[in-house]
């Protein structure tokens, strides 16, 4: 199967245009739950693809307002590329959205588009999830402030955390989408709440005890400091190790999720991410 058959065509691709501001991007990310947005520039009626702006670009550059400074160059592909090859590109480059460019922006192919080809049986989805799941599971604690959990996801370079309760059992799932949905751009030095741990706080440990209040001066993406339990998904969809990649892809699409905890009985033994499905067909 070719990229041209699976991609989202240009007519359906949401873009932001130069010159523009971070507010435009944040609005799209929140409304559409996108991980990134393509940036284009129109010159004399001709549209030129310039790059992408992601959630992380906004959060990590709170003082920068201009899209030209926030965007980054990314690899592109063409409509004639195979799904297997674009899946390999996504895995190798660590990107979730690959613009389809042939002189101008023709569309975009996303991890979800590739997962859909697996779910529909257009590419091989026979691998069992027990063989392709990530065994290292990123976790957080149910009472950690969201500000701290956001830093945990950032330093782990992962878009999710399994939320554990007081007994160390899975209590929910927190994702980047959950965080960006409640983030907002503010002016000045608005206080997002105190996140410095007291000596008797359950979630205090050496590596994060000095994080403090999560705000940055001038122009800020504000993240609430309330406990993770208020923002996580507590009705977690899970999968067993004998399920196929195709079945996992179908579950992801029907539940609009990007990762599924892998269970052996009542024990959490891994996480099946959408990127793991791509690794299985590359």
C-alpha atoms as a PDB file:
ATOM      1  CA  UNK A   1       0.000   0.000   0.000  1.00  0.00           C
ATOM      2  CA  UNK A   2       1.214   3.516  -0.843  1.00  0.00           C
ATOM      3  CA  UNK A   3       1.228   6.674   1.269  1.00  0.00           C
ATOM      4  CA  UNK A   4      -1.102   8.378  -1.212  1.00  0.00           C
ATOM      5  CA  UNK A   5      -3.837   5.869  -0.361  1.00  0.00           C
ATOM      6  CA  UNK A   6      -3.522   6.316   3.405  1.00  0.00           C
ATOM      7  CA  UNK A   7      -2.615   9.972   3.918  1.00  0.00           C
ATOM      8  CA  UNK A   8      -4.870  12.820   4.937  1.00  0.00           C
ATOM      9  CA  UNK A   9      -5.188  14.988   1.789  1.00  0.00           C
ATOM     10  CA  UNK A  10      -4.212  18.671   1.816  1.00  0.00           C
ATOM     11  CA  UNK A  11      -7.878  19.733   1.758  1.00  0.00           C
ATOM     12  CA  UNK A  12      -8.342  18.149   5.204  1.00  0.00           C
ATOM     13  CA  UNK A  13      -5.002  19.121   6.759  1.00  0.00           C
ATOM     14  CA  UNK A  14      -5.147  21.841   9.417  1.00  0.00           C
ATOM     15  CA  UNK A  15      -2.191  24.203   9.035  1.00  0.00           C
ATOM     16  CA  UNK A  16      -0.981  27.477  10.503  1.00  0.00           C
ATOM     17  CA  UNK A  17       0.403  30.187   8.284  1.00  0.00           C
ATOM     18  CA  UNK A  18       3.427  32.428   8.608  1.00  0.00           C
ATOM     19  CA  UNK A  19       3.470  34.962  10.079  1.00  0.00           C
ATOM     20  CA  UNK A  20       1.477  33.754  13.081  1.00  0.00           C
ATOM     21  CA  UNK A  21       1.568  33.313  16.846  1.00  0.00           C
ATOM     22  CA  UNK A  22       1.724  30.472  19.353  1.00  0.00           C
ATOM     23  CA  UNK A  23      -1.921  31.099  20.291  1.00  0.00           C
ATOM     24  CA  UNK A  24      -3.002  29.862  16.852  1.00  0.00           C
ATOM     25  CA  UNK A  25      -1.126  26.578  17.328  1.00  0.00           C
ATOM     26  CA  UNK A  26      -2.282  25.983  20.905  1.00  0.00           C
ATOM     27  CA  UNK A  27      -5.881  26.433  19.802  1.00  0.00           C
ATOM     28  CA  UNK A  28      -5.539  23.741  17.139  1.00  0.00           C
ATOM     29  CA  UNK A  29      -3.709  21.329  19.427  1.00  0.00           C
ATOM     30  CA  UNK A  30      -6.399  21.669  22.088  1.00  0.00           C
ATOM     31  CA  UNK A  31      -9.394  21.521  19.759  1.00  0.00           C
ATOM     32  CA  UNK A  32      -8.150  18.630  17.609  1.00  0.00           C
ATOM     33  CA  UNK A  33      -5.871  16.764  20.068  1.00  0.00           C
ATOM     34  CA  UNK A  34      -3.064  16.927  17.497  1.00  0.00           C
ATOM     35  CA  UNK A  35       0.543  16.343  18.502  1.00  0.00           C
ATOM     36  CA  UNK A  36       1.818  18.874  15.955  1.00  0.00           C
ATOM     37  CA  UNK A  37       0.661  21.261  13.241  1.00  0.00           C
ATOM     38  CA  UNK A  38       2.257  21.926   9.813  1.00  0.00           C
ATOM     39  CA  UNK A  39       3.427  25.470   9.088  1.00  0.00           C
ATOM     40  CA  UNK A  40       3.005  26.938   5.601  1.00  0.00           C
ATOM     41  CA  UNK A  41       3.794  30.264   3.963  1.00  0.00           C
ATOM     42  CA  UNK A  42       1.908  31.743   1.037  1.00  0.00           C
ATOM     43  CA  UNK A  43       3.920  33.828  -1.377  1.00  0.00           C
ATOM     44  CA  UNK A  44       2.230  35.263  -4.474  1.00  0.00           C
ATOM     45  CA  UNK A  45      -0.464  32.606  -4.319  1.00  0.00           C
ATOM     46  CA  UNK A  46       1.958  29.704  -3.936  1.00  0.00           C
ATOM     47  CA  UNK A  47       1.909  27.680  -0.729  1.00  0.00           C
ATOM     48  CA  UNK A  48       5.255  26.498   0.627  1.00  0.00           C
ATOM     49  CA  UNK A  49       5.645  23.938   3.407  1.00  0.00           C
ATOM     50  CA  UNK A  50       8.031  25.265   6.055  1.00  0.00           C
ATOM     51  CA  UNK A  51       7.987  22.848   9.025  1.00  0.00           C
ATOM     52  CA  UNK A  52       6.052  21.577  12.041  1.00  0.00           C
ATOM     53  CA  UNK A  53       5.276  22.932  15.508  1.00  0.00           C
ATOM     54  CA  UNK A  54       4.618  20.374  18.255  1.00  0.00           C
ATOM     55  CA  UNK A  55       3.203  20.396  21.773  1.00  0.00           C
ATOM     56  CA  UNK A  56       6.716  20.207  23.195  1.00  0.00           C
ATOM     57  CA  UNK A  57       7.843  23.191  21.108  1.00  0.00           C
ATOM     58  CA  UNK A  58       5.191  25.340  22.805  1.00  0.00           C
ATOM     59  CA  UNK A  59       5.783  24.126  26.345  1.00  0.00           C
ATOM     60  CA  UNK A  60       9.577  24.280  26.142  1.00  0.00           C
ATOM     61  CA  UNK A  61       9.699  27.763  24.573  1.00  0.00           C
ATOM     62  CA  UNK A  62       7.218  29.785  26.639  1.00  0.00           C
ATOM     63  CA  UNK A  63       8.808  33.158  25.855  1.00  0.00           C
ATOM     64  CA  UNK A  64       8.733  32.720  22.084  1.00  0.00           C
ATOM     65  CA  UNK A  65       5.617  33.938  20.296  1.00  0.00           C
ATOM     66  CA  UNK A  66       6.556  33.849  16.599  1.00  0.00           C
ATOM     67  CA  UNK A  67       5.860  30.680  14.633  1.00  0.00           C
ATOM     68  CA  UNK A  68       8.998  31.137  12.535  1.00  0.00           C
ATOM     69  CA  UNK A  69      11.100  30.687  15.679  1.00  0.00           C
ATOM     70  CA  UNK A  70       9.054  27.803  17.103  1.00  0.00           C
ATOM     71  CA  UNK A  71       8.822  25.585  14.037  1.00  0.00           C
ATOM     72  CA  UNK A  72      11.359  22.929  13.135  1.00  0.00           C
ATOM     73  CA  UNK A  73      12.326  21.180   9.947  1.00  0.00           C
ATOM     74  CA  UNK A  74      11.146  17.581   9.616  1.00  0.00           C
ATOM     75  CA  UNK A  75      11.580  14.751   7.111  1.00  0.00           C
ATOM     76  CA  UNK A  76       9.013  14.551   4.321  1.00  0.00           C
ATOM     77  CA  UNK A  77       7.765  11.797   2.033  1.00  0.00           C
ATOM     78  CA  UNK A  78       5.914  11.360  -1.259  1.00  0.00           C
ATOM     79  CA  UNK A  79       2.662   9.690  -2.251  1.00  0.00           C
ATOM     80  CA  UNK A  80       4.518   6.817  -3.959  1.00  0.00           C
ATOM     81  CA  UNK A  81       6.328   5.741  -0.781  1.00  0.00           C
ATOM     82  CA  UNK A  82       5.151   2.438   0.708  1.00  0.00           C
ATOM     83  CA  UNK A  83       3.457   2.352   4.115  1.00  0.00           C
ATOM     84  CA  UNK A  84       6.222   0.070   5.380  1.00  0.00           C
ATOM     85  CA  UNK A  85       8.879   2.590   4.357  1.00  0.00           C
ATOM     86  CA  UNK A  86       7.098   5.556   5.926  1.00  0.00           C
ATOM     87  CA  UNK A  87       6.576   3.508   9.096  1.00  0.00           C
ATOM     88  CA  UNK A  88      10.342   2.920   9.210  1.00  0.00           C
ATOM     89  CA  UNK A  89      10.929   6.646   8.694  1.00  0.00           C
ATOM     90  CA  UNK A  90       8.630   7.510  11.605  1.00  0.00           C
ATOM     91  CA  UNK A  91      10.348   5.021  13.893  1.00  0.00           C
ATOM     92  CA  UNK A  92      13.883   6.065  12.904  1.00  0.00           C
ATOM     93  CA  UNK A  93      13.191   9.815  13.104  1.00  0.00           C
ATOM     94  CA  UNK A  94      10.926   9.676  16.164  1.00  0.00           C
ATOM     95  CA  UNK A  95       8.179  11.624  14.418  1.00  0.00           C
ATOM     96  CA  UNK A  96       4.434  11.048  14.423  1.00  0.00           C
ATOM     97  CA  UNK A  97       3.466  13.122  11.398  1.00  0.00           C
ATOM     98  CA  UNK A  98       5.266  13.136   8.056  1.00  0.00           C
ATOM     99  CA  UNK A  99       4.279  15.820   5.541  1.00  0.00           C
ATOM    100  CA  UNK A 100       3.704  14.568   2.007  1.00  0.00           C
ATOM    101  CA  UNK A 101       5.482  17.069  -0.207  1.00  0.00           C
ATOM    102  CA  UNK A 102       6.101  17.210  -3.946  1.00  0.00           C
ATOM    103  CA  UNK A 103       6.885  20.835  -4.620  1.00  0.00           C
ATOM    104  CA  UNK A 104       4.021  21.812  -2.324  1.00  0.00           C
ATOM    105  CA  UNK A 105       2.196  20.262   0.620  1.00  0.00           C
ATOM    106  CA  UNK A 106      -0.038  17.482  -0.746  1.00  0.00           C
ATOM    107  CA  UNK A 107      -1.130  15.989   2.537  1.00  0.00           C
ATOM    108  CA  UNK A 108       0.177  14.441   5.710  1.00  0.00           C
ATOM    109  CA  UNK A 109       0.580  10.865   6.873  1.00  0.00           C
ATOM    110  CA  UNK A 110       0.405  10.205  10.596  1.00  0.00           C
ATOM    111  CA  UNK A 111       1.065   7.316  12.928  1.00  0.00           C
ATOM    112  CA  UNK A 112      -2.714   6.958  13.191  1.00  0.00           C
ATOM    113  CA  UNK A 113      -2.983   6.649   9.401  1.00  0.00           C
ATOM    114  CA  UNK A 114      -0.463   3.808   9.469  1.00  0.00           C
ATOM    115  CA  UNK A 115      -2.243   2.164  12.413  1.00  0.00           C
ATOM    116  CA  UNK A 116      -5.459   2.322  10.361  1.00  0.00           C
ATOM    117  CA  UNK A 117      -3.815   0.383   7.521  1.00  0.00           C
ATOM    118  CA  UNK A 118      -2.863  -2.293  10.058  1.00  0.00           C
ATOM    119  CA  UNK A 119      -6.382  -2.365  11.505  1.00  0.00           C
ATOM    120  CA  UNK A 120      -7.896  -2.673   8.015  1.00  0.00           C
ATOM    121  CA  UNK A 121      -5.560  -5.494   7.019  1.00  0.00           C
ATOM    122  CA  UNK A 122      -3.845  -3.513   4.256  1.00  0.00           C
ATOM    123  CA  UNK A 123      -0.438  -4.395   5.736  1.00  0.00           C
ATOM    124  CA  UNK A 124       0.705  -7.335   7.823  1.00  0.00           C
ATOM    125  CA  UNK A 125      -0.772  -7.209  11.328  1.00  0.00           C
ATOM    126  CA  UNK A 126      -0.226 -10.807  12.419  1.00  0.00           C
ATOM    127  CA  UNK A 127       2.481 -10.124  15.030  1.00  0.00           C
ATOM    128  CA  UNK A 128       1.318 -10.779  18.592  1.00  0.00           C
ATOM    129  CA  UNK A 129       1.395  -7.826  20.965  1.00  0.00           C
ATOM    130  CA  UNK A 130       3.224  -9.892  23.557  1.00  0.00           C
ATOM    131  CA  UNK A 131       6.199  -9.915  21.191  1.00  0.00           C
ATOM    132  CA  UNK A 132       6.185  -6.226  20.270  1.00  0.00           C
ATOM    133  CA  UNK A 133       5.108  -4.458  23.484  1.00  0.00           C
ATOM    134  CA  UNK A 134       7.448  -2.157  25.400  1.00  0.00           C
ATOM    135  CA  UNK A 135       8.418  -3.856  28.670  1.00  0.00           C
ATOM    136  CA  UNK A 136       9.692  -0.655  30.276  1.00  0.00           C
ATOM    137  CA  UNK A 137       6.590   1.145  31.531  1.00  0.00           C
ATOM    138  CA  UNK A 138       6.566   4.850  32.366  1.00  0.00           C
ATOM    139  CA  UNK A 139       4.638   5.486  35.581  1.00  0.00           C
ATOM    140  CA  UNK A 140       3.584   8.281  37.893  1.00  0.00           C
ATOM    141  CA  UNK A 141       1.764   8.504  41.205  1.00  0.00           C
ATOM    142  CA  UNK A 142      -1.903   9.397  41.481  1.00  0.00           C
ATOM    143  CA  UNK A 143      -1.305  12.349  43.833  1.00  0.00           C
ATOM    144  CA  UNK A 144       1.637  13.903  41.978  1.00  0.00           C
ATOM    145  CA  UNK A 145       0.817  17.471  40.832  1.00  0.00           C
ATOM    146  CA  UNK A 146       0.175  17.646  37.105  1.00  0.00           C
ATOM    147  CA  UNK A 147       3.049  20.117  36.816  1.00  0.00           C
ATOM    148  CA  UNK A 148       5.457  17.464  38.089  1.00  0.00           C
ATOM    149  CA  UNK A 149       3.919  14.713  35.945  1.00  0.00           C
ATOM    150  CA  UNK A 150       4.397  16.879  32.848  1.00  0.00           C
ATOM    151  CA  UNK A 151       8.123  17.123  33.648  1.00  0.00           C
ATOM    152  CA  UNK A 152       8.255  13.358  34.150  1.00  0.00           C
ATOM    153  CA  UNK A 153       6.808  12.766  30.675  1.00  0.00           C
ATOM    154  CA  UNK A 154       9.221  15.295  29.198  1.00  0.00           C
ATOM    155  CA  UNK A 155      12.351  13.758  30.730  1.00  0.00           C
ATOM    156  CA  UNK A 156      11.182  10.229  29.919  1.00  0.00           C
ATOM    157  CA  UNK A 157      10.563  11.404  26.326  1.00  0.00           C
ATOM    158  CA  UNK A 158       7.281   9.510  26.316  1.00  0.00           C
ATOM    159  CA  UNK A 159       3.707  10.708  25.682  1.00  0.00           C
ATOM    160  CA  UNK A 160       2.102   8.764  28.531  1.00  0.00           C
ATOM    161  CA  UNK A 161       2.397   7.561  32.113  1.00  0.00           C
ATOM    162  CA  UNK A 162       0.543   4.731  33.801  1.00  0.00           C
ATOM    163  CA  UNK A 163      -0.852   6.197  37.033  1.00  0.00           C
ATOM    164  CA  UNK A 164      -0.281   4.079  40.141  1.00  0.00           C
ATOM    165  CA  UNK A 165      -2.257   4.186  43.388  1.00  0.00           C
ATOM    166  CA  UNK A 166      -0.992   3.861  46.981  1.00  0.00           C
ATOM    167  CA  UNK A 167      -0.606   0.085  46.563  1.00  0.00           C
ATOM    168  CA  UNK A 168       1.350   0.399  43.329  1.00  0.00           C
ATOM    169  CA  UNK A 169      -1.576  -0.850  41.260  1.00  0.00           C
ATOM    170  CA  UNK A 170      -2.655   0.731  37.968  1.00  0.00           C
ATOM    171  CA  UNK A 171      -5.279   3.386  38.670  1.00  0.00           C
ATOM    172  CA  UNK A 172      -5.392   5.262  35.360  1.00  0.00           C
ATOM    173  CA  UNK A 173      -3.508   6.646  32.380  1.00  0.00           C
ATOM    174  CA  UNK A 174      -2.152  10.157  31.824  1.00  0.00           C
ATOM    175  CA  UNK A 175      -1.157  11.358  28.342  1.00  0.00           C
ATOM    176  CA  UNK A 176       0.254  14.471  26.707  1.00  0.00           C
ATOM    177  CA  UNK A 177      -3.212  15.092  25.287  1.00  0.00           C
ATOM    178  CA  UNK A 178      -4.665  15.224  28.811  1.00  0.00           C
ATOM    179  CA  UNK A 179      -2.087  17.868  29.714  1.00  0.00           C
ATOM    180  CA  UNK A 180      -2.417  20.026  26.617  1.00  0.00           C
ATOM    181  CA  UNK A 181      -6.215  20.025  26.997  1.00  0.00           C
ATOM    182  CA  UNK A 182      -5.952  21.908  30.299  1.00  0.00           C
ATOM    183  CA  UNK A 183      -2.935  24.071  29.416  1.00  0.00           C
ATOM    184  CA  UNK A 184      -3.448  27.707  28.527  1.00  0.00           C
ATOM    185  CA  UNK A 185      -1.302  30.597  27.412  1.00  0.00           C
ATOM    186  CA  UNK A 186      -1.111  33.434  29.956  1.00  0.00           C
ATOM    187  CA  UNK A 187       0.556  36.813  30.073  1.00  0.00           C
ATOM    188  CA  UNK A 188       2.942  37.789  32.855  1.00  0.00           C
ATOM    189  CA  UNK A 189       3.933  35.544  35.741  1.00  0.00           C
ATOM    190  CA  UNK A 190       0.651  33.911  36.688  1.00  0.00           C
ATOM    191  CA  UNK A 191       1.096  31.401  39.484  1.00  0.00           C
ATOM    192  CA  UNK A 192       0.078  27.857  38.599  1.00  0.00           C
ATOM    193  CA  UNK A 193       0.170  26.708  42.196  1.00  0.00           C
ATOM    194  CA  UNK A 194       2.709  25.496  44.697  1.00  0.00           C
ATOM    195  CA  UNK A 195       4.330  22.213  43.709  1.00  0.00           C
ATOM    196  CA  UNK A 196       7.218  22.165  46.182  1.00  0.00           C
ATOM    197  CA  UNK A 197       6.977  19.024  48.283  1.00  0.00           C
ATOM    198  CA  UNK A 198       6.752  19.146  52.053  1.00  0.00           C
ATOM    199  CA  UNK A 199       8.724  16.604  54.045  1.00  0.00           C
ATOM    200  CA  UNK A 200       5.605  14.476  54.604  1.00  0.00           C
ATOM    201  CA  UNK A 201       4.254  14.607  51.037  1.00  0.00           C
ATOM    202  CA  UNK A 202       3.770  11.108  49.627  1.00  0.00           C
ATOM    203  CA  UNK A 203       5.026  12.121  46.197  1.00  0.00           C
ATOM    204  CA  UNK A 204       8.201  13.900  47.343  1.00  0.00           C
ATOM    205  CA  UNK A 205      11.494  12.388  46.271  1.00  0.00           C
ATOM    206  CA  UNK A 206      14.981  13.736  45.820  1.00  0.00           C
ATOM    207  CA  UNK A 207      14.943  14.275  42.072  1.00  0.00           C
ATOM    208  CA  UNK A 208      11.869  16.533  41.979  1.00  0.00           C
ATOM    209  CA  UNK A 209      11.579  18.129  45.395  1.00  0.00           C
ATOM    210  CA  UNK A 210      12.935  21.482  44.184  1.00  0.00           C
ATOM    211  CA  UNK A 211      10.828  21.885  41.030  1.00  0.00           C
ATOM    212  CA  UNK A 212       8.768  24.584  42.703  1.00  0.00           C
ATOM    213  CA  UNK A 213       6.035  26.635  41.121  1.00  0.00           C
ATOM    214  CA  UNK A 214       5.543  25.866  37.447  1.00  0.00           C
ATOM    215  CA  UNK A 215       5.505  29.216  35.755  1.00  0.00           C
ATOM    216  CA  UNK A 216       7.849  31.068  33.502  1.00  0.00           C
ATOM    217  CA  UNK A 217       8.035  34.823  32.976  1.00  0.00           C
ATOM    218  CA  UNK A 218       6.557  36.952  30.210  1.00  0.00           C
ATOM    219  CA  UNK A 219       4.591  34.458  28.123  1.00  0.00           C
ATOM    220  CA  UNK A 220       3.693  31.147  29.648  1.00  0.00           C
ATOM    221  CA  UNK A 221       1.947  27.870  28.986  1.00  0.00           C
ATOM    222  CA  UNK A 222       0.218  27.400  32.314  1.00  0.00           C
ATOM    223  CA  UNK A 223      -0.371  23.879  33.600  1.00  0.00           C
ATOM    224  CA  UNK A 224      -2.584  23.282  36.670  1.00  0.00           C
ATOM    225  CA  UNK A 225      -0.823  21.952  39.761  1.00  0.00           C
ATOM    226  CA  UNK A 226      -3.760  19.834  40.956  1.00  0.00           C
ATOM    227  CA  UNK A 227      -3.159  16.076  41.448  1.00  0.00           C
ATOM    228  CA  UNK A 228      -2.898  13.800  38.431  1.00  0.00           C
ATOM    229  CA  UNK A 229      -6.035  11.936  39.546  1.00  0.00           C
ATOM    230  CA  UNK A 230      -8.118  14.938  38.419  1.00  0.00           C
ATOM    231  CA  UNK A 231      -6.869  14.741  34.820  1.00  0.00           C
ATOM    232  CA  UNK A 232      -6.114  11.074  34.139  1.00  0.00           C
ATOM    233  CA  UNK A 233      -8.329   8.563  32.354  1.00  0.00           C
ATOM    234  CA  UNK A 234      -9.438   6.067  34.969  1.00  0.00           C
ATOM    235  CA  UNK A 235     -11.390   3.714  32.681  1.00  0.00           C
ATOM    236  CA  UNK A 236      -8.304   2.155  31.093  1.00  0.00           C
ATOM    237  CA  UNK A 237      -8.546  -0.145  28.083  1.00  0.00           C
ATOM    238  CA  UNK A 238      -6.098  -3.065  28.319  1.00  0.00           C
ATOM    239  CA  UNK A 239      -4.923  -5.906  26.088  1.00  0.00           C
ATOM    240  CA  UNK A 240      -3.613  -9.436  26.654  1.00  0.00           C
ATOM    241  CA  UNK A 241      -0.362 -10.714  25.180  1.00  0.00           C
ATOM    242  CA  UNK A 242      -1.934 -13.158  22.681  1.00  0.00           C
ATOM    243  CA  UNK A 243      -3.810 -10.445  20.759  1.00  0.00           C
ATOM    244  CA  UNK A 244      -2.540  -9.553  17.298  1.00  0.00           C
ATOM    245  CA  UNK A 245      -1.169  -6.221  16.156  1.00  0.00           C
ATOM    246  CA  UNK A 246      -4.243  -5.906  13.946  1.00  0.00           C
ATOM    247  CA  UNK A 247      -6.564  -6.359  16.935  1.00  0.00           C
ATOM    248  CA  UNK A 248      -4.548  -3.872  18.990  1.00  0.00           C
ATOM    249  CA  UNK A 249      -4.739  -1.368  16.118  1.00  0.00           C
ATOM    250  CA  UNK A 250      -8.504  -1.777  15.960  1.00  0.00           C
ATOM    251  CA  UNK A 251      -8.753  -1.222  19.717  1.00  0.00           C
ATOM    252  CA  UNK A 252      -6.633   1.931  19.537  1.00  0.00           C
ATOM    253  CA  UNK A 253      -8.764   3.399  16.761  1.00  0.00           C
ATOM    254  CA  UNK A 254     -12.123   2.535  18.337  1.00  0.00           C
ATOM    255  CA  UNK A 255     -11.060   4.064  21.668  1.00  0.00           C
ATOM    256  CA  UNK A 256      -9.043   6.983  20.218  1.00  0.00           C
ATOM    257  CA  UNK A 257      -5.905   6.070  22.196  1.00  0.00           C
ATOM    258  CA  UNK A 258      -2.212   5.751  21.337  1.00  0.00           C
ATOM    259  CA  UNK A 259      -1.125   3.121  23.878  1.00  0.00           C
ATOM    260  CA  UNK A 260      -2.668   0.146  25.666  1.00  0.00           C
ATOM    261  CA  UNK A 261      -1.381  -1.428  28.905  1.00  0.00           C
ATOM    262  CA  UNK A 262      -0.422  -5.073  28.403  1.00  0.00           C
ATOM    263  CA  UNK A 263      -1.821  -7.311  31.126  1.00  0.00           C
ATOM    264  CA  UNK A 264      -1.038 -10.844  32.209  1.00  0.00           C
ATOM    265  CA  UNK A 265      -3.996 -11.682  34.416  1.00  0.00           C
ATOM    266  CA  UNK A 266      -4.154  -8.734  36.824  1.00  0.00           C
ATOM    267  CA  UNK A 267      -0.457  -7.889  36.422  1.00  0.00           C
ATOM    268  CA  UNK A 268       0.805  -5.009  34.305  1.00  0.00           C
ATOM    269  CA  UNK A 269       3.654  -6.413  32.189  1.00  0.00           C
ATOM    270  CA  UNK A 270       4.141  -3.812  29.460  1.00  0.00           C
ATOM    271  CA  UNK A 271       2.585  -1.195  27.211  1.00  0.00           C
ATOM    272  CA  UNK A 272       1.664  -1.568  23.551  1.00  0.00           C
ATOM    273  CA  UNK A 273       2.225   1.802  21.883  1.00  0.00           C
ATOM    274  CA  UNK A 274       1.096   2.671  18.387  1.00  0.00           C
ATOM    275  CA  UNK A 275       4.757   3.117  17.486  1.00  0.00           C
ATOM    276  CA  UNK A 276       5.316  -0.552  18.462  1.00  0.00           C
ATOM    277  CA  UNK A 277       2.808  -1.521  15.776  1.00  0.00           C
ATOM    278  CA  UNK A 278       4.834   0.459  13.240  1.00  0.00           C
ATOM    279  CA  UNK A 279       8.033  -1.266  14.362  1.00  0.00           C
ATOM    280  CA  UNK A 280       6.389  -4.609  13.585  1.00  0.00           C
ATOM    281  CA  UNK A 281       5.754  -3.761   9.913  1.00  0.00           C
ATOM    282  CA  UNK A 282       8.880  -1.730   9.039  1.00  0.00           C
END
